[in-house]
Amino acid sequence: SEGWKLFVDYGEQLLGAPATDKKL
């Protein structure tokens, strides 16, 4: 909102999730 950014959660993917080794 208006250049301000609020993020919710930043965890690891569960085993078997797609692109597990891809860093955001």
mmCIF file of all heavy atoms, coordinates in Angstrom:
data_MODEL
# 
_entry.id   MODEL 
# 
loop_
_atom_site.group_PDB 
_atom_site.id 
_atom_site.type_symbol 
_atom_site.label_atom_id 
_atom_site.label_alt_id 
_atom_site.label_comp_id 
_atom_site.label_asym_id 
_atom_site.label_entity_id 
_atom_site.label_seq_id 
_atom_site.pdbx_PDB_ins_code 
_atom_site.Cartn_x 
_atom_site.Cartn_y 
_atom_site.Cartn_z 
_atom_site.occupancy 
_atom_site.B_iso_or_equiv 
_atom_site.pdbx_formal_charge 
_atom_site.auth_seq_id 
_atom_site.auth_comp_id 
_atom_site.auth_asym_id 
_atom_site.auth_atom_id 
_atom_site.pdbx_PDB_model_num 
ATOM 1   N N   . SER A 1 1  ? 0.839  -1.190  0.000  1.00 0.00 ? 1  SER A N   1 
ATOM 2   C CA  . SER A 1 1  ? 0.000  0.000   0.000  1.00 0.00 ? 1  SER A CA  1 
ATOM 3   C C   . SER A 1 1  ? 0.877  1.243   0.000  1.00 0.00 ? 1  SER A C   1 
ATOM 4   O O   . SER A 1 1  ? 1.690  1.435   0.924  1.00 0.00 ? 1  SER A O   1 
ATOM 5   C CB  . SER A 1 1  ? -0.922 0.013   1.227  1.00 0.00 ? 1  SER A CB  1 
ATOM 6   O OG  . SER A 1 1  ? -1.686 1.203   1.278  1.00 0.00 ? 1  SER A OG  1 
ATOM 7   N N   . GLU A 1 2  ? 0.745  2.058   -1.036 1.00 0.00 ? 2  GLU A N   1 
ATOM 8   C CA  . GLU A 1 2  ? 1.487  3.325   -1.128 1.00 0.00 ? 2  GLU A CA  1 
ATOM 9   C C   . GLU A 1 2  ? 2.995  3.123   -0.924 1.00 0.00 ? 2  GLU A C   1 
ATOM 10  O O   . GLU A 1 2  ? 3.664  3.920   -0.264 1.00 0.00 ? 2  GLU A O   1 
ATOM 11  C CB  . GLU A 1 2  ? 0.942  4.335   -0.109 1.00 0.00 ? 2  GLU A CB  1 
ATOM 12  C CG  . GLU A 1 2  ? -0.532 4.653   -0.249 1.00 0.00 ? 2  GLU A CG  1 
ATOM 13  C CD  . GLU A 1 2  ? -0.857 5.386   -1.548 1.00 0.00 ? 2  GLU A CD  1 
ATOM 14  O OE1 . GLU A 1 2  ? 0.056  6.056   -2.094 1.00 0.00 ? 2  GLU A OE1 1 
ATOM 15  O OE2 . GLU A 1 2  ? -1.987 5.274   -2.028 1.00 0.00 ? 2  GLU A OE2 1 
ATOM 16  N N   . GLY A 1 3  ? 3.521  2.050   -1.476 1.00 0.00 ? 3  GLY A N   1 
ATOM 17  C CA  . GLY A 1 3  ? 4.953  1.788   -1.383 1.00 0.00 ? 3  GLY A CA  1 
ATOM 18  C C   . GLY A 1 3  ? 5.392  1.039   -0.139 1.00 0.00 ? 3  GLY A C   1 
ATOM 19  O O   . GLY A 1 3  ? 6.534  0.577   -0.055 1.00 0.00 ? 3  GLY A O   1 
ATOM 20  N N   . TRP A 1 4  ? 4.492  0.900   0.841  1.00 0.00 ? 4  TRP A N   1 
ATOM 21  C CA  . TRP A 1 4  ? 4.790  0.127   2.048  1.00 0.00 ? 4  TRP A CA  1 
ATOM 22  C C   . TRP A 1 4  ? 4.440  -1.332  1.794  1.00 0.00 ? 4  TRP A C   1 
ATOM 23  O O   . TRP A 1 4  ? 3.408  -1.639  1.172  1.00 0.00 ? 4  TRP A O   1 
ATOM 24  C CB  . TRP A 1 4  ? 4.005  0.656   3.238  1.00 0.00 ? 4  TRP A CB  1 
ATOM 25  C CG  . TRP A 1 4  ? 4.470  2.018   3.685  1.00 0.00 ? 4  TRP A CG  1 
ATOM 26  C CD1 . TRP A 1 4  ? 4.058  3.218   3.177  1.00 0.00 ? 4  TRP A CD1 1 
ATOM 27  C CD2 . TRP A 1 4  ? 5.438  2.302   4.691  1.00 0.00 ? 4  TRP A CD2 1 
ATOM 28  N NE1 . TRP A 1 4  ? 4.715  4.243   3.809  1.00 0.00 ? 4  TRP A NE1 1 
ATOM 29  C CE2 . TRP A 1 4  ? 5.565  3.706   4.743  1.00 0.00 ? 4  TRP A CE2 1 
ATOM 30  C CE3 . TRP A 1 4  ? 6.211  1.520   5.543  1.00 0.00 ? 4  TRP A CE3 1 
ATOM 31  C CZ2 . TRP A 1 4  ? 6.440  4.342   5.630  1.00 0.00 ? 4  TRP A CZ2 1 
ATOM 32  C CZ3 . TRP A 1 4  ? 7.078  2.141   6.417  1.00 0.00 ? 4  TRP A CZ3 1 
ATOM 33  C CH2 . TRP A 1 4  ? 7.195  3.529   6.458  1.00 0.00 ? 4  TRP A CH2 1 
ATOM 34  N N   . LYS A 1 5  ? 5.290  -2.238  2.292  1.00 0.00 ? 5  LYS A N   1 
ATOM 35  C CA  . LYS A 1 5  ? 5.102  -3.670  2.027  1.00 0.00 ? 5  LYS A CA  1 
ATOM 36  C C   . LYS A 1 5  ? 5.093  -4.455  3.333  1.00 0.00 ? 5  LYS A C   1 
ATOM 37  O O   . LYS A 1 5  ? 6.000  -4.328  4.156  1.00 0.00 ? 5  LYS A O   1 
ATOM 38  C CB  . LYS A 1 5  ? 6.226  -4.186  1.117  1.00 0.00 ? 5  LYS A CB  1 
ATOM 39  C CG  . LYS A 1 5  ? 6.225  -3.558  -0.264 1.00 0.00 ? 5  LYS A CG  1 
ATOM 40  C CD  . LYS A 1 5  ? 7.293  -4.162  -1.157 1.00 0.00 ? 5  LYS A CD  1 
ATOM 41  C CE  . LYS A 1 5  ? 7.215  -3.578  -2.560 1.00 0.00 ? 5  LYS A CE  1 
ATOM 42  N NZ  . LYS A 1 5  ? 8.184  -4.210  -3.495 1.00 0.00 ? 5  LYS A NZ  1 
ATOM 43  N N   . LEU A 1 6  ? 4.060  -5.265  3.463  1.00 0.00 ? 6  LEU A N   1 
ATOM 44  C CA  . LEU A 1 6  ? 3.923  -6.124  4.638  1.00 0.00 ? 6  LEU A CA  1 
ATOM 45  C C   . LEU A 1 6  ? 3.867  -7.568  4.140  1.00 0.00 ? 6  LEU A C   1 
ATOM 46  O O   . LEU A 1 6  ? 2.990  -7.932  3.350  1.00 0.00 ? 6  LEU A O   1 
ATOM 47  C CB  . LEU A 1 6  ? 2.630  -5.770  5.380  1.00 0.00 ? 6  LEU A CB  1 
ATOM 48  C CG  . LEU A 1 6  ? 2.451  -6.284  6.799  1.00 0.00 ? 6  LEU A CG  1 
ATOM 49  C CD1 . LEU A 1 6  ? 3.501  -5.699  7.730  1.00 0.00 ? 6  LEU A CD1 1 
ATOM 50  C CD2 . LEU A 1 6  ? 1.063  -5.923  7.310  1.00 0.00 ? 6  LEU A CD2 1 
ATOM 51  N N   . PHE A 1 7  ? 4.829  -8.373  4.600  1.00 0.00 ? 7  PHE A N   1 
ATOM 52  C CA  . PHE A 1 7  ? 4.894  -9.777  4.193  1.00 0.00 ? 7  PHE A CA  1 
ATOM 53  C C   . PHE A 1 7  ? 4.447  -10.649 5.366  1.00 0.00 ? 7  PHE A C   1 
ATOM 54  O O   . PHE A 1 7  ? 4.651  -10.304 6.532  1.00 0.00 ? 7  PHE A O   1 
ATOM 55  C CB  . PHE A 1 7  ? 6.315  -10.155 3.787  1.00 0.00 ? 7  PHE A CB  1 
ATOM 56  C CG  . PHE A 1 7  ? 6.819  -9.392  2.595  1.00 0.00 ? 7  PHE A CG  1 
ATOM 57  C CD1 . PHE A 1 7  ? 7.465  -8.170  2.754  1.00 0.00 ? 7  PHE A CD1 1 
ATOM 58  C CD2 . PHE A 1 7  ? 6.646  -9.887  1.314  1.00 0.00 ? 7  PHE A CD2 1 
ATOM 59  C CE1 . PHE A 1 7  ? 7.927  -7.456  1.666  1.00 0.00 ? 7  PHE A CE1 1 
ATOM 60  C CE2 . PHE A 1 7  ? 7.108  -9.181  0.211  1.00 0.00 ? 7  PHE A CE2 1 
ATOM 61  C CZ  . PHE A 1 7  ? 7.750  -7.959  0.381  1.00 0.00 ? 7  PHE A CZ  1 
ATOM 62  N N   . VAL A 1 8  ? 3.824  -11.784 5.042  1.00 0.00 ? 8  VAL A N   1 
ATOM 63  C CA  . VAL A 1 8  ? 3.392  -12.735 6.070  1.00 0.00 ? 8  VAL A CA  1 
ATOM 64  C C   . VAL A 1 8  ? 4.043  -14.084 5.805  1.00 0.00 ? 8  VAL A C   1 
ATOM 65  O O   . VAL A 1 8  ? 3.834  -14.686 4.753  1.00 0.00 ? 8  VAL A O   1 
ATOM 66  C CB  . VAL A 1 8  ? 1.858  -12.881 6.113  1.00 0.00 ? 8  VAL A CB  1 
ATOM 67  C CG1 . VAL A 1 8  ? 1.458  -13.853 7.227  1.00 0.00 ? 8  VAL A CG1 1 
ATOM 68  C CG2 . VAL A 1 8  ? 1.186  -11.530 6.331  1.00 0.00 ? 8  VAL A CG2 1 
ATOM 69  N N   . ASP A 1 9  ? 4.851  -14.524 6.763  1.00 0.00 ? 9  ASP A N   1 
ATOM 70  C CA  . ASP A 1 9  ? 5.530  -15.827 6.803  1.00 0.00 ? 9  ASP A CA  1 
ATOM 71  C C   . ASP A 1 9  ? 6.648  -15.947 5.760  1.00 0.00 ? 9  ASP A C   1 
ATOM 72  O O   . ASP A 1 9  ? 6.555  -15.434 4.643  1.00 0.00 ? 9  ASP A O   1 
ATOM 73  C CB  . ASP A 1 9  ? 4.538  -16.984 6.640  1.00 0.00 ? 9  ASP A CB  1 
ATOM 74  C CG  . ASP A 1 9  ? 3.669  -17.173 7.875  1.00 0.00 ? 9  ASP A CG  1 
ATOM 75  O OD1 . ASP A 1 9  ? 4.096  -16.763 8.972  1.00 0.00 ? 9  ASP A OD1 1 
ATOM 76  O OD2 . ASP A 1 9  ? 2.561  -17.730 7.752  1.00 0.00 ? 9  ASP A OD2 1 
ATOM 77  N N   . TYR A 1 10 ? 7.696  -16.638 6.195  1.00 0.00 ? 10 TYR A N   1 
ATOM 78  C CA  . TYR A 1 10 ? 8.812  -16.925 5.298  1.00 0.00 ? 10 TYR A CA  1 
ATOM 79  C C   . TYR A 1 10 ? 9.495  -18.197 5.807  1.00 0.00 ? 10 TYR A C   1 
ATOM 80  O O   . TYR A 1 10 ? 10.477 -18.151 6.531  1.00 0.00 ? 10 TYR A O   1 
ATOM 81  C CB  . TYR A 1 10 ? 9.802  -15.747 5.251  1.00 0.00 ? 10 TYR A CB  1 
ATOM 82  C CG  . TYR A 1 10 ? 10.740 -15.817 4.074  1.00 0.00 ? 10 TYR A CG  1 
ATOM 83  C CD1 . TYR A 1 10 ? 10.266 -15.579 2.787  1.00 0.00 ? 10 TYR A CD1 1 
ATOM 84  C CD2 . TYR A 1 10 ? 12.076 -16.134 4.235  1.00 0.00 ? 10 TYR A CD2 1 
ATOM 85  C CE1 . TYR A 1 10 ? 11.111 -15.654 1.693  1.00 0.00 ? 10 TYR A CE1 1 
ATOM 86  C CE2 . TYR A 1 10 ? 12.932 -16.211 3.141  1.00 0.00 ? 10 TYR A CE2 1 
ATOM 87  C CZ  . TYR A 1 10 ? 12.442 -15.973 1.877  1.00 0.00 ? 10 TYR A CZ  1 
ATOM 88  O OH  . TYR A 1 10 ? 13.272 -16.053 0.782  1.00 0.00 ? 10 TYR A OH  1 
ATOM 89  N N   . GLY A 1 11 ? 8.934  -19.333 5.411  1.00 0.00 ? 11 GLY A N   1 
ATOM 90  C CA  . GLY A 1 11 ? 9.420  -20.614 5.923  1.00 0.00 ? 11 GLY A CA  1 
ATOM 91  C C   . GLY A 1 11 ? 9.950  -21.517 4.835  1.00 0.00 ? 11 GLY A C   1 
ATOM 92  O O   . GLY A 1 11 ? 10.001 -21.161 3.651  1.00 0.00 ? 11 GLY A O   1 
ATOM 93  N N   . GLU A 1 12 ? 10.339 -22.705 5.260  1.00 0.00 ? 12 GLU A N   1 
ATOM 94  C CA  . GLU A 1 12 ? 10.856 -23.685 4.321  1.00 0.00 ? 12 GLU A CA  1 
ATOM 95  C C   . GLU A 1 12 ? 9.702  -24.453 3.681  1.00 0.00 ? 12 GLU A C   1 
ATOM 96  O O   . GLU A 1 12 ? 8.633  -24.607 4.270  1.00 0.00 ? 12 GLU A O   1 
ATOM 97  C CB  . GLU A 1 12 ? 11.795 -24.659 5.039  1.00 0.00 ? 12 GLU A CB  1 
ATOM 98  C CG  . GLU A 1 12 ? 11.112 -25.459 6.148  1.00 0.00 ? 12 GLU A CG  1 
ATOM 99  C CD  . GLU A 1 12 ? 12.103 -26.240 6.985  1.00 0.00 ? 12 GLU A CD  1 
ATOM 100 O OE1 . GLU A 1 12 ? 13.295 -26.190 6.682  1.00 0.00 ? 12 GLU A OE1 1 
ATOM 101 O OE2 . GLU A 1 12 ? 11.669 -26.895 7.945  1.00 0.00 ? 12 GLU A OE2 1 
ATOM 102 N N   . GLN A 1 13 ? 9.912  -24.931 2.490  1.00 0.00 ? 13 GLN A N   1 
ATOM 103 C CA  . GLN A 1 13 ? 8.909  -25.761 1.833  1.00 0.00 ? 13 GLN A CA  1 
ATOM 104 C C   . GLN A 1 13 ? 8.924  -27.154 2.443  1.00 0.00 ? 13 GLN A C   1 
ATOM 105 O O   . GLN A 1 13 ? 9.948  -27.629 2.945  1.00 0.00 ? 13 GLN A O   1 
ATOM 106 C CB  . GLN A 1 13 ? 9.186  -25.840 0.340  1.00 0.00 ? 13 GLN A CB  1 
ATOM 107 C CG  . GLN A 1 13 ? 9.130  -24.477 -0.348 1.00 0.00 ? 13 GLN A CG  1 
ATOM 108 C CD  . GLN A 1 13 ? 9.149  -24.614 -1.849 1.00 0.00 ? 13 GLN A CD  1 
ATOM 109 O OE1 . GLN A 1 13 ? 8.105  -24.747 -2.459 1.00 0.00 ? 13 GLN A OE1 1 
ATOM 110 N NE2 . GLN A 1 13 ? 10.330 -24.580 -2.443 1.00 0.00 ? 13 GLN A NE2 1 
ATOM 111 N N   . LEU A 1 14 ? 7.776  -27.800 2.395  1.00 0.00 ? 14 LEU A N   1 
ATOM 112 C CA  . LEU A 1 14 ? 7.696  -29.166 2.879  1.00 0.00 ? 14 LEU A CA  1 
ATOM 113 C C   . LEU A 1 14 ? 8.408  -30.097 1.917  1.00 0.00 ? 14 LEU A C   1 
ATOM 114 O O   . LEU A 1 14 ? 8.532  -29.814 0.719  1.00 0.00 ? 14 LEU A O   1 
ATOM 115 C CB  . LEU A 1 14 ? 6.229  -29.588 3.036  1.00 0.00 ? 14 LEU A CB  1 
ATOM 116 C CG  . LEU A 1 14 ? 5.385  -28.741 3.996  1.00 0.00 ? 14 LEU A CG  1 
ATOM 117 C CD1 . LEU A 1 14 ? 3.966  -29.281 4.049  1.00 0.00 ? 14 LEU A CD1 1 
ATOM 118 C CD2 . LEU A 1 14 ? 5.997  -28.719 5.390  1.00 0.00 ? 14 LEU A CD2 1 
ATOM 119 N N   . LEU A 1 15 ? 8.875  -31.238 2.446  1.00 0.00 ? 15 LEU A N   1 
ATOM 120 C CA  . LEU A 1 15 ? 9.551  -32.212 1.598  1.00 0.00 ? 15 LEU A CA  1 
ATOM 121 C C   . LEU A 1 15 ? 8.636  -32.649 0.459  1.00 0.00 ? 15 LEU A C   1 
ATOM 122 O O   . LEU A 1 15 ? 7.457  -32.929 0.660  1.00 0.00 ? 15 LEU A O   1 
ATOM 123 C CB  . LEU A 1 15 ? 9.959  -33.430 2.431  1.00 0.00 ? 15 LEU A CB  1 
ATOM 124 C CG  . LEU A 1 15 ? 11.086 -33.208 3.442  1.00 0.00 ? 15 LEU A CG  1 
ATOM 125 C CD1 . LEU A 1 15 ? 11.243 -34.443 4.324  1.00 0.00 ? 15 LEU A CD1 1 
ATOM 126 C CD2 . LEU A 1 15 ? 12.391 -32.900 2.722  1.00 0.00 ? 15 LEU A CD2 1 
ATOM 127 N N   . GLY A 1 16 ? 9.190  -32.702 -0.725 1.00 0.00 ? 16 GLY A N   1 
ATOM 128 C CA  . GLY A 1 16 ? 8.412  -33.131 -1.881 1.00 0.00 ? 16 GLY A CA  1 
ATOM 129 C C   . GLY A 1 16 ? 7.702  -32.005 -2.596 1.00 0.00 ? 16 GLY A C   1 
ATOM 130 O O   . GLY A 1 16 ? 7.075  -32.232 -3.629 1.00 0.00 ? 16 GLY A O   1 
ATOM 131 N N   . ALA A 1 17 ? 7.786  -30.766 -2.056 1.00 0.00 ? 17 ALA A N   1 
ATOM 132 C CA  . ALA A 1 17 ? 7.141  -29.643 -2.718 1.00 0.00 ? 17 ALA A CA  1 
ATOM 133 C C   . ALA A 1 17 ? 7.862  -29.318 -4.019 1.00 0.00 ? 17 ALA A C   1 
ATOM 134 O O   . ALA A 1 17 ? 9.058  -29.568 -4.155 1.00 0.00 ? 17 ALA A O   1 
ATOM 135 C CB  . ALA A 1 17 ? 7.134  -28.421 -1.798 1.00 0.00 ? 17 ALA A CB  1 
ATOM 136 N N   . PRO A 1 18 ? 7.169  -28.734 -4.983 1.00 0.00 ? 18 PRO A N   1 
ATOM 137 C CA  . PRO A 1 18 ? 7.829  -28.396 -6.247 1.00 0.00 ? 18 PRO A CA  1 
ATOM 138 C C   . PRO A 1 18 ? 8.890  -27.320 -6.042 1.00 0.00 ? 18 PRO A C   1 
ATOM 139 O O   . PRO A 1 18 ? 8.770  -26.442 -5.192 1.00 0.00 ? 18 PRO A O   1 
ATOM 140 C CB  . PRO A 1 18 ? 6.677  -27.871 -7.111 1.00 0.00 ? 18 PRO A CB  1 
ATOM 141 C CG  . PRO A 1 18 ? 5.627  -27.434 -6.136 1.00 0.00 ? 18 PRO A CG  1 
ATOM 142 C CD  . PRO A 1 18 ? 5.744  -28.383 -4.987 1.00 0.00 ? 18 PRO A CD  1 
ATOM 143 N N   . ALA A 1 19 ? 9.950  -27.398 -6.817 1.00 0.00 ? 19 ALA A N   1 
ATOM 144 C CA  . ALA A 1 19 ? 11.030 -26.407 -6.808 1.00 0.00 ? 19 ALA A CA  1 
ATOM 145 C C   . ALA A 1 19 ? 11.564 -26.169 -5.398 1.00 0.00 ? 19 ALA A C   1 
ATOM 146 O O   . ALA A 1 19 ? 11.780 -25.047 -4.977 1.00 0.00 ? 19 ALA A O   1 
ATOM 147 C CB  . ALA A 1 19 ? 10.547 -25.090 -7.416 1.00 0.00 ? 19 ALA A CB  1 
ATOM 148 N N   . THR A 1 20 ? 11.790 -27.257 -4.673 1.00 0.00 ? 20 THR A N   1 
ATOM 149 C CA  . THR A 1 20 ? 12.218 -27.154 -3.281 1.00 0.00 ? 20 THR A CA  1 
ATOM 150 C C   . THR A 1 20 ? 13.519 -26.382 -3.130 1.00 0.00 ? 20 THR A C   1 
ATOM 151 O O   . THR A 1 20 ? 13.723 -25.675 -2.151 1.00 0.00 ? 20 THR A O   1 
ATOM 152 C CB  . THR A 1 20 ? 12.385 -28.567 -2.683 1.00 0.00 ? 20 THR A CB  1 
ATOM 153 O OG1 . THR A 1 20 ? 11.127 -29.243 -2.772 1.00 0.00 ? 20 THR A OG1 1 
ATOM 154 C CG2 . THR A 1 20 ? 12.794 -28.510 -1.231 1.00 0.00 ? 20 THR A CG2 1 
ATOM 155 N N   . ASP A 1 21 ? 14.419 -26.508 -4.112 1.00 0.00 ? 21 ASP A N   1 
ATOM 156 C CA  . ASP A 1 21 ? 15.729 -25.878 -3.995 1.00 0.00 ? 21 ASP A CA  1 
ATOM 157 C C   . ASP A 1 21 ? 15.758 -24.464 -4.572 1.00 0.00 ? 21 ASP A C   1 
ATOM 158 O O   . ASP A 1 21 ? 16.806 -23.830 -4.625 1.00 0.00 ? 21 ASP A O   1 
ATOM 159 C CB  . ASP A 1 21 ? 16.787 -26.735 -4.674 1.00 0.00 ? 21 ASP A CB  1 
ATOM 160 C CG  . ASP A 1 21 ? 16.475 -26.970 -6.154 1.00 0.00 ? 21 ASP A CG  1 
ATOM 161 O OD1 . ASP A 1 21 ? 15.347 -26.646 -6.575 1.00 0.00 ? 21 ASP A OD1 1 
ATOM 162 O OD2 . ASP A 1 21 ? 17.361 -27.470 -6.869 1.00 0.00 ? 21 ASP A OD2 1 
ATOM 163 N N   . LYS A 1 22 ? 14.621 -23.970 -5.011 1.00 0.00 ? 22 LYS A N   1 
ATOM 164 C CA  . LYS A 1 22 ? 14.567 -22.639 -5.614 1.00 0.00 ? 22 LYS A CA  1 
ATOM 165 C C   . LYS A 1 22 ? 14.412 -21.578 -4.530 1.00 0.00 ? 22 LYS A C   1 
ATOM 166 O O   . LYS A 1 22 ? 13.449 -21.568 -3.778 1.00 0.00 ? 22 LYS A O   1 
ATOM 167 C CB  . LYS A 1 22 ? 13.404 -22.544 -6.607 1.00 0.00 ? 22 LYS A CB  1 
ATOM 168 C CG  . LYS A 1 22 ? 13.329 -21.198 -7.316 1.00 0.00 ? 22 LYS A CG  1 
ATOM 169 C CD  . LYS A 1 22 ? 12.149 -21.168 -8.279 1.00 0.00 ? 22 LYS A CD  1 
ATOM 170 C CE  . LYS A 1 22 ? 12.045 -19.819 -8.982 1.00 0.00 ? 22 LYS A CE  1 
ATOM 171 N NZ  . LYS A 1 22 ? 10.875 -19.771 -9.890 1.00 0.00 ? 22 LYS A NZ  1 
ATOM 172 N N   . LYS A 1 23 ? 15.361 -20.667 -4.466 1.00 0.00 ? 23 LYS A N   1 
ATOM 173 C CA  . LYS A 1 23 ? 15.319 -19.588 -3.493 1.00 0.00 ? 23 LYS A CA  1 
ATOM 174 C C   . LYS A 1 23 ? 14.489 -18.436 -4.035 1.00 0.00 ? 23 LYS A C   1 
ATOM 175 O O   . LYS A 1 23 ? 14.664 -18.015 -5.181 1.00 0.00 ? 23 LYS A O   1 
ATOM 176 C CB  . LYS A 1 23 ? 16.743 -19.119 -3.173 1.00 0.00 ? 23 LYS A CB  1 
ATOM 177 C CG  . LYS A 1 23 ? 16.826 -18.085 -2.069 1.00 0.00 ? 23 LYS A CG  1 
ATOM 178 C CD  . LYS A 1 23 ? 18.274 -17.765 -1.751 1.00 0.00 ? 23 LYS A CD  1 
ATOM 179 C CE  . LYS A 1 23 ? 18.380 -16.699 -0.668 1.00 0.00 ? 23 LYS A CE  1 
ATOM 180 N NZ  . LYS A 1 23 ? 19.797 -16.383 -0.345 1.00 0.00 ? 23 LYS A NZ  1 
ATOM 181 N N   . LEU A 1 24 ? 13.572 -17.941 -3.232 1.00 0.00 ? 24 LEU A N   1 
ATOM 182 C CA  . LEU A 1 24 ? 12.723 -16.842 -3.673 1.00 0.00 ? 24 LEU A CA  1 
ATOM 183 C C   . LEU A 1 24 ? 13.533 -15.553 -3.780 1.00 0.00 ? 24 LEU A C   1 
ATOM 184 O O   . LEU A 1 24 ? 14.409 -15.275 -2.959 1.00 0.00 ? 24 LEU A O   1 
ATOM 185 C CB  . LEU A 1 24 ? 11.580 -16.636 -2.695 1.00 0.00 ? 24 LEU A CB  1 
ATOM 186 C CG  . LEU A 1 24 ? 10.450 -17.662 -2.715 1.00 0.00 ? 24 LEU A CG  1 
ATOM 187 C CD1 . LEU A 1 24 ? 9.431  -17.335 -1.640 1.00 0.00 ? 24 LEU A CD1 1 
ATOM 188 C CD2 . LEU A 1 24 ? 9.767  -17.693 -4.076 1.00 0.00 ? 24 LEU A CD2 1 
# 
